[in-house]
Amino acid sequence: MTLIDSPHSTSDTADILLPAQKLIELATGILVDLGVPQSDAFLVADSLVQADLWGHPSHGVLRLPWYVRRLQTGAMSKTMNAKVINDLGAVLTIDGNDGIGQIITEHARVEAVARAQKHGIGAVAVKNSNHFGTAMYFTRRAAAAGCISILTTNASPAMAPWGGREKKIGTNPWSIAAPFGDTTVVVDMANTAVARGKIYQARQMGIEIPETWAITSEGAPTTDPSEAINGVILPMAGHKGYAISFMMDVLSGVLTGSQHSTKVHGPYEPTPKGGAGHLFIALDVAAFRDPEDFDEALTGLVHEVKNTPTAVGFDEVFYPGELEDRAHAKNISQGVPLPQKTWSELQELANAAGLK
């Protein structure tokens, strides 16, 4: 479930509140100044700000400086030049040619949905891509088009194989979303105890992390986010998290023909090619059953969950995606909270681009 697992803090770390639209305009302008086409720049900016709106700043605009550095070095292409490798109707394989992850993944989503609406199912494999931000940004879009969607990706090494002590496997997140009335039920998770971006977020805010998140390169527990980044992030649920992450690399890297394991590079590395692979699967609900019947059944499932008596220490039971919807409603009204350090870095980028 996409619950918000924020780092521990003894004080309010949201130093700046910014209107979402202004933040999107700022991020778009920074990317356009680098040579990214306007529509592509807007999509990337919107995806990052949306993560902040959902209450996941680890995948929000704090990542924009990383993208900028990769665009400046040429590790990531400013324009999309995706090539079709194989087209079998319901199945499509494309080479992203080192384009921006969000742009390539949106292209994959559009293709997967269109093929699902024609064949009942559409599967698009992507090789040679980059970090695409928050997976549910795309699965939610597919759900809005009447499809249950599954999106997997691999990532640069972050965890050790179960029983090992060297980073060999990425967090390799995945998302599943389904249409639910005028919203979505959705899960979006990494297979580590915490998404790596949460640790970068903690370092950005100058706060400690729980010692259950990571170990140092020597194998000792740590609450220092810098030591955690240089060390190993722990898998969720022990060996189960490792096994799921391994299989996500099979789907995202091995199956697609992209890079895998230690050959994948992350957005915080300014110079190497990303080599990330994705798999986008769309299932047209109408091909399986009447969409109204589906929504009625899903509504019943949600009500069953919501009406569960609460355990000690809990006030309410949530369905997957509900917390993000509530955070969005709050932040779109009050403003997007950003740590002062993130805001300062955005100002530096804006100044360099000649933006106010």
Protein backbone atom coordinates (compact mmCIF):
# COMPACT_ATOMS: atom_id res chain seq x y z
CA MET A 1 0.00 0.00 0.00
CA THR A 2 1.27 3.48 -0.78
CA LEU A 3 1.49 4.68 2.79
CA ILE A 4 3.65 7.70 3.49
CA ASP A 5 6.76 6.56 5.38
CA SER A 6 8.35 9.95 6.04
CA PRO A 7 11.69 10.29 7.86
CA HIS A 8 11.64 11.06 11.56
CA SER A 9 11.98 14.70 12.54
CA THR A 10 11.68 16.68 15.73
CA SER A 11 10.66 19.88 13.96
CA ASP A 12 8.64 21.13 11.02
CA THR A 13 10.85 20.62 7.97
CA ALA A 14 8.48 22.23 5.44
CA ASP A 15 10.16 25.63 5.24
CA ILE A 16 8.55 26.78 1.99
CA LEU A 17 5.00 26.50 0.65
CA LEU A 18 4.62 27.05 -3.08
CA PRO A 19 1.56 26.97 -5.37
CA ALA A 20 1.71 23.79 -7.45
CA GLN A 21 1.07 25.57 -10.75
CA LYS A 22 3.89 28.05 -10.16
CA LEU A 23 6.24 25.21 -9.28
CA ILE A 24 5.28 23.38 -12.48
CA GLU A 25 5.91 26.54 -14.50
CA LEU A 26 9.30 27.02 -12.87
CA ALA A 27 10.42 23.43 -13.45
CA THR A 28 9.11 23.54 -17.02
CA GLY A 29 11.04 26.72 -17.73
CA ILE A 30 14.27 25.24 -16.37
CA LEU A 31 13.95 22.21 -18.65
CA VAL A 32 12.95 24.24 -21.71
CA ASP A 33 16.04 26.41 -21.22
CA LEU A 34 18.12 23.24 -21.52
CA GLY A 35 16.54 22.37 -24.86
CA VAL A 36 13.74 20.01 -23.77
CA PRO A 37 10.60 20.54 -25.92
CA GLN A 38 7.87 22.51 -24.15
CA SER A 39 5.31 19.69 -23.96
CA ASP A 40 7.91 17.20 -22.75
CA ALA A 41 9.25 19.65 -20.17
CA PHE A 42 5.73 20.21 -18.86
CA LEU A 43 5.10 16.47 -18.49
CA VAL A 44 8.32 15.96 -16.53
CA ALA A 45 7.61 18.98 -14.32
CA ASP A 46 4.02 17.87 -13.74
CA SER A 47 5.14 14.36 -12.76
CA LEU A 48 7.61 15.69 -10.20
CA VAL A 49 5.23 18.23 -8.67
CA GLN A 50 2.48 15.62 -8.59
CA ALA A 51 4.71 13.41 -6.44
CA ASP A 52 5.08 16.34 -4.03
CA LEU A 53 1.32 16.85 -4.07
CA TRP A 54 0.77 13.19 -3.23
CA GLY A 55 3.02 13.57 -0.20
CA HIS A 56 6.06 11.83 -1.69
CA PRO A 57 8.73 14.55 -1.92
CA SER A 58 11.40 11.88 -2.30
CA HIS A 59 10.23 11.61 -5.93
CA GLY A 60 9.35 15.27 -6.35
CA VAL A 61 11.20 18.37 -7.53
CA LEU A 62 14.22 17.53 -5.37
CA ARG A 63 15.13 15.25 -8.31
CA LEU A 64 15.08 18.05 -10.87
CA PRO A 65 18.74 19.07 -10.27
CA TRP A 66 19.73 15.44 -10.92
CA TYR A 67 17.87 15.46 -14.24
CA VAL A 68 19.45 18.77 -15.18
CA ARG A 69 22.96 17.44 -14.64
CA ARG A 70 22.25 14.35 -16.75
CA LEU A 71 20.82 16.46 -19.54
CA GLN A 72 23.83 18.78 -19.42
CA THR A 73 26.32 15.91 -19.69
CA GLY A 74 24.39 14.20 -22.47
CA ALA A 75 23.80 11.06 -20.40
CA MET A 76 20.10 11.67 -21.01
CA SER A 77 18.77 12.89 -24.35
CA LYS A 78 16.78 16.15 -24.42
CA THR A 79 14.41 14.86 -27.09
CA MET A 80 12.74 11.49 -27.43
CA ASN A 81 13.95 9.33 -30.30
CA ALA A 82 12.27 6.04 -29.46
CA LYS A 83 12.54 3.29 -32.06
CA VAL A 84 10.23 0.31 -32.56
CA ILE A 85 12.10 -2.98 -32.19
CA ASN A 86 9.17 -5.37 -32.44
CA ASP A 87 5.44 -4.82 -33.04
CA LEU A 88 3.10 -7.79 -32.75
CA GLY A 89 -0.15 -5.93 -32.16
CA ALA A 90 -0.85 -6.56 -28.50
CA VAL A 91 2.89 -6.59 -27.78
CA LEU A 92 5.32 -3.78 -28.58
CA THR A 93 9.04 -3.45 -27.78
CA ILE A 94 10.72 -0.06 -28.10
CA ASP A 95 14.22 1.32 -27.64
CA GLY A 96 14.13 4.59 -25.71
CA ASN A 97 17.60 5.62 -26.91
CA ASP A 98 18.48 7.21 -23.55
CA GLY A 99 15.54 9.62 -23.56
CA ILE A 100 13.92 11.15 -20.48
CA GLY A 101 12.20 8.38 -18.55
CA GLN A 102 8.88 10.18 -18.10
CA ILE A 103 8.54 10.91 -21.82
CA ILE A 104 9.34 7.36 -22.88
CA THR A 105 7.03 5.86 -20.25
CA GLU A 106 4.15 8.12 -21.24
CA HIS A 107 4.65 6.95 -24.82
CA ALA A 108 4.56 3.36 -23.58
CA ARG A 109 1.39 4.05 -21.60
CA VAL A 110 -0.42 5.51 -24.60
CA GLU A 111 0.59 2.56 -26.75
CA ALA A 112 -0.34 -0.02 -24.09
CA VAL A 113 -3.79 1.50 -23.53
CA ALA A 114 -4.51 1.77 -27.26
CA ARG A 115 -3.54 -1.87 -27.79
CA ALA A 116 -5.58 -2.98 -24.78
CA GLN A 117 -8.64 -1.21 -26.15
CA LYS A 118 -8.16 -3.13 -29.41
CA HIS A 119 -7.00 -6.53 -28.17
CA GLY A 120 -8.13 -6.53 -24.52
CA ILE A 121 -4.50 -6.46 -23.38
CA GLY A 122 -1.51 -4.37 -24.36
CA ALA A 123 2.07 -4.92 -23.24
CA VAL A 124 4.88 -2.51 -24.04
CA ALA A 125 8.50 -3.33 -23.21
CA VAL A 126 11.01 -0.49 -23.02
CA LYS A 127 14.81 -0.67 -23.12
CA ASN A 128 17.47 2.04 -22.74
CA SER A 129 15.34 4.43 -20.71
CA ASN A 130 15.91 6.49 -17.57
CA HIS A 131 14.30 7.16 -14.21
CA PHE A 132 10.64 8.05 -14.73
CA GLY A 133 9.68 9.51 -11.37
CA THR A 134 6.64 8.03 -9.64
CA ALA A 135 5.24 4.89 -11.25
CA MET A 136 1.64 5.59 -10.28
CA TYR A 137 1.74 8.84 -12.25
CA PHE A 138 1.40 6.62 -15.31
CA THR A 139 -0.71 3.75 -13.98
CA ARG A 140 -3.29 6.24 -12.70
CA ARG A 141 -3.48 7.70 -16.21
CA ALA A 142 -4.12 4.28 -17.68
CA ALA A 143 -6.79 3.65 -15.05
CA ALA A 144 -8.51 6.89 -16.06
CA ALA A 145 -8.77 5.38 -19.55
CA GLY A 146 -10.61 2.33 -18.19
CA CYS A 147 -7.65 -0.02 -17.86
CA ILE A 148 -6.11 -1.89 -14.98
CA SER A 149 -2.41 -1.26 -15.47
CA ILE A 150 0.84 -2.74 -14.25
CA LEU A 151 4.15 -0.89 -14.56
CA THR A 152 7.52 -2.31 -13.55
CA THR A 153 10.99 -0.83 -13.76
CA ASN A 154 14.50 -1.65 -12.66
CA ALA A 155 16.94 0.72 -11.01
CA SER A 156 20.58 1.04 -10.08
CA PRO A 157 21.88 -1.28 -7.32
CA ALA A 158 20.64 -0.44 -3.85
CA MET A 159 20.18 -3.70 -1.97
CA ALA A 160 22.26 -6.80 -1.48
CA PRO A 161 20.89 -10.22 -2.46
CA TRP A 162 19.48 -11.95 0.60
CA GLY A 163 22.45 -13.24 2.56
CA GLY A 164 24.95 -10.97 0.76
CA ARG A 165 26.52 -7.63 1.68
CA GLU A 166 27.20 -5.96 -1.68
CA LYS A 167 24.70 -3.95 -3.72
CA LYS A 168 23.61 -6.02 -6.72
CA ILE A 169 19.86 -5.41 -7.06
CA GLY A 170 17.90 -2.16 -7.45
CA THR A 171 14.83 -1.05 -5.53
CA ASN A 172 13.00 -1.97 -8.76
CA PRO A 173 9.62 -0.38 -7.97
CA TRP A 174 6.28 -1.36 -9.48
CA SER A 175 2.74 -0.07 -9.55
CA ILE A 176 -0.72 -1.52 -10.15
CA ALA A 177 -3.74 0.76 -10.60
CA ALA A 178 -7.43 0.17 -11.29
CA PRO A 179 -10.24 2.60 -12.10
CA PHE A 180 -12.53 3.27 -9.14
CA GLY A 181 -15.35 5.73 -9.75
CA ASP A 182 -13.79 9.13 -10.33
CA THR A 183 -10.52 8.11 -8.69
CA THR A 184 -8.15 5.13 -8.57
CA VAL A 185 -7.11 2.32 -6.29
CA VAL A 186 -3.37 2.10 -6.70
CA VAL A 187 -0.25 0.61 -5.18
CA ASP A 188 3.22 1.98 -5.91
CA MET A 189 6.15 0.58 -4.00
CA ALA A 190 9.84 -0.15 -4.02
CA ASN A 191 10.95 -3.53 -2.77
CA THR A 192 13.30 -2.14 -0.16
CA ALA A 193 12.38 -1.18 3.39
CA VAL A 194 12.09 2.36 2.03
CA ALA A 195 12.43 4.01 -1.36
CA ARG A 196 15.98 5.24 -1.86
CA GLY A 197 14.63 8.74 -2.52
CA LYS A 198 13.38 8.88 1.08
CA ILE A 199 16.98 8.60 2.24
CA TYR A 200 18.07 11.37 -0.13
CA GLN A 201 15.15 13.40 1.19
CA ALA A 202 16.36 12.89 4.77
CA ARG A 203 19.86 14.02 3.80
CA GLN A 204 18.32 17.04 2.08
CA MET A 205 16.53 17.98 5.29
CA GLY A 206 19.49 17.19 7.55
CA ILE A 207 17.64 14.63 9.64
CA GLU A 208 18.28 11.05 10.72
CA ILE A 209 16.61 7.95 9.31
CA PRO A 210 15.27 4.92 11.21
CA GLU A 211 18.01 2.32 11.74
CA THR A 212 15.76 -0.29 10.10
CA TRP A 213 16.16 1.34 6.67
CA ALA A 214 19.78 0.64 5.77
CA ILE A 215 23.20 -0.57 6.85
CA THR A 216 26.65 0.90 6.26
CA SER A 217 29.11 -0.51 3.73
CA GLU A 218 30.58 -2.46 6.69
CA GLY A 219 27.19 -4.00 7.47
CA ALA A 220 26.32 -2.02 10.61
CA PRO A 221 22.91 -0.37 11.24
CA THR A 222 22.91 3.39 10.69
CA THR A 223 20.69 6.43 11.15
CA ASP A 224 22.96 8.62 9.00
CA PRO A 225 21.42 9.08 5.52
CA SER A 226 24.83 9.69 3.92
CA GLU A 227 26.18 6.42 5.33
CA ALA A 228 23.01 4.70 4.15
CA ILE A 229 23.45 6.01 0.59
CA ASN A 230 27.02 4.71 0.55
CA GLY A 231 25.92 1.48 2.18
CA VAL A 232 23.08 -0.94 1.45
CA ILE A 233 19.34 -0.37 1.70
CA LEU A 234 17.56 -3.26 3.40
CA PRO A 235 14.85 -5.21 1.55
CA MET A 236 11.25 -5.09 2.70
CA ALA A 237 10.04 -8.27 4.38
CA GLY A 238 13.51 -9.82 4.33
CA HIS A 239 14.06 -12.42 1.64
CA LYS A 240 10.63 -11.70 0.09
CA GLY A 241 11.60 -8.14 -0.85
CA TYR A 242 14.80 -9.37 -2.44
CA ALA A 243 12.98 -12.06 -4.45
CA ILE A 244 10.33 -9.62 -5.72
CA SER A 245 13.01 -7.11 -6.70
CA PHE A 246 14.92 -9.84 -8.54
CA MET A 247 11.83 -10.77 -10.57
CA MET A 248 11.10 -7.11 -11.36
CA ASP A 249 14.57 -6.98 -12.91
CA VAL A 250 13.66 -10.05 -14.97
CA LEU A 251 10.54 -8.29 -16.29
CA SER A 252 12.09 -4.85 -16.70
CA GLY A 253 15.65 -5.58 -17.74
CA VAL A 254 16.15 -9.14 -18.92
CA LEU A 255 12.85 -9.48 -20.83
CA THR A 256 13.03 -6.04 -22.46
CA GLY A 257 16.66 -6.43 -23.55
CA SER A 258 17.73 -3.48 -21.43
CA GLN A 259 20.45 -3.38 -18.79
CA HIS A 260 19.99 -5.12 -15.44
CA SER A 261 21.51 -5.41 -11.97
CA THR A 262 24.77 -3.46 -11.62
CA LYS A 263 24.64 -2.23 -15.23
CA VAL A 264 21.72 0.13 -14.51
CA HIS A 265 22.56 3.70 -13.44
CA GLY A 266 20.42 6.08 -11.42
CA PRO A 267 19.34 9.71 -11.87
CA TYR A 268 21.78 10.97 -9.24
CA GLU A 269 24.73 9.82 -11.38
CA PRO A 270 25.48 12.68 -13.80
CA THR A 271 27.42 10.94 -16.58
CA PRO A 272 26.65 7.22 -17.26
CA LYS A 273 23.80 6.12 -19.52
CA GLY A 274 20.81 4.98 -17.49
CA GLY A 275 20.04 1.68 -19.19
CA ALA A 276 16.78 1.33 -17.27
CA GLY A 277 14.06 -0.96 -18.61
CA HIS A 278 10.30 -0.84 -18.07
CA LEU A 279 7.33 -3.07 -18.76
CA PHE A 280 3.86 -1.50 -19.10
CA ILE A 281 0.84 -3.82 -19.19
CA ALA A 282 -2.70 -2.52 -19.71
CA LEU A 283 -5.85 -4.62 -19.28
CA ASP A 284 -9.07 -3.16 -20.69
CA VAL A 285 -11.71 -3.74 -18.02
CA ALA A 286 -14.44 -3.79 -20.68
CA ALA A 287 -12.79 -6.82 -22.31
CA PHE A 288 -13.20 -8.81 -19.08
CA ARG A 289 -16.57 -7.67 -17.75
CA ASP A 290 -19.06 -4.82 -17.86
CA PRO A 291 -17.26 -1.74 -16.46
CA GLU A 292 -20.28 -0.80 -14.32
CA ASP A 293 -20.35 -4.27 -12.76
CA PHE A 294 -16.60 -4.03 -12.19
CA ASP A 295 -16.97 -0.67 -10.43
CA GLU A 296 -19.82 -1.99 -8.29
CA ALA A 297 -17.74 -4.99 -7.22
CA LEU A 298 -14.67 -2.87 -6.52
CA THR A 299 -16.81 -0.43 -4.54
CA GLY A 300 -17.99 -3.36 -2.44
CA LEU A 301 -14.39 -4.42 -1.81
CA VAL A 302 -13.44 -0.89 -0.77
CA HIS A 303 -16.42 -0.64 1.57
CA GLU A 304 -15.54 -3.99 3.15
CA VAL A 305 -12.03 -2.72 3.85
CA LYS A 306 -13.12 0.72 5.05
CA ASN A 307 -15.67 -0.74 7.46
CA THR A 308 -13.14 -3.01 9.17
CA PRO A 309 -12.97 -2.38 12.94
CA THR A 310 -9.73 -0.54 13.69
CA ALA A 311 -6.88 -2.00 15.68
CA VAL A 312 -5.32 -0.29 18.69
CA GLY A 313 -3.52 2.87 17.62
CA PHE A 314 -5.47 3.34 14.38
CA ASP A 315 -8.36 5.72 13.69
CA GLU A 316 -9.23 4.66 10.16
CA VAL A 317 -8.57 1.99 7.53
CA PHE A 318 -7.48 3.21 4.09
CA TYR A 319 -7.66 1.63 0.67
CA PRO A 320 -4.52 1.81 -1.49
CA GLY A 321 -4.14 5.29 -2.97
CA GLU A 322 -6.53 7.03 -0.57
CA LEU A 323 -3.80 8.75 1.42
CA GLU A 324 -2.30 10.22 -1.75
CA ASP A 325 -5.68 11.57 -2.83
CA ARG A 326 -6.11 13.26 0.54
CA ALA A 327 -2.59 14.68 0.47
CA HIS A 328 -3.21 16.03 -3.03
CA ALA A 329 -6.40 17.79 -1.92
CA LYS A 330 -4.57 19.38 1.01
CA ASN A 331 -1.42 20.42 -0.84
CA ILE A 332 -3.20 21.73 -3.92
CA SER A 333 -5.08 24.04 -1.58
CA GLN A 334 -2.37 25.04 0.90
CA GLY A 335 0.69 24.83 -1.34
CA VAL A 336 3.46 22.31 -1.97
CA PRO A 337 5.84 22.03 1.04
CA LEU A 338 9.53 22.08 0.11
CA PRO A 339 12.61 21.91 2.33
CA GLN A 340 14.66 25.10 2.22
CA LYS A 341 17.59 23.27 0.61
CA THR A 342 15.44 22.00 -2.25
CA TRP A 343 14.03 25.48 -2.82
CA SER A 344 17.53 26.98 -2.85
CA GLU A 345 18.67 24.45 -5.46
CA LEU A 346 15.66 25.26 -7.64
CA GLN A 347 16.43 28.98 -7.35
CA GLU A 348 19.98 28.32 -8.53
CA LEU A 349 18.68 26.46 -11.56
CA ALA A 350 16.18 29.21 -12.27
CA ASN A 351 18.86 31.90 -12.06
CA ALA A 352 21.05 29.94 -14.45
CA ALA A 353 18.12 29.74 -16.87
CA GLY A 354 17.37 33.46 -16.54
CA LEU A 355 14.01 32.82 -14.88
CA LYS A 356 12.47 34.83 -12.07
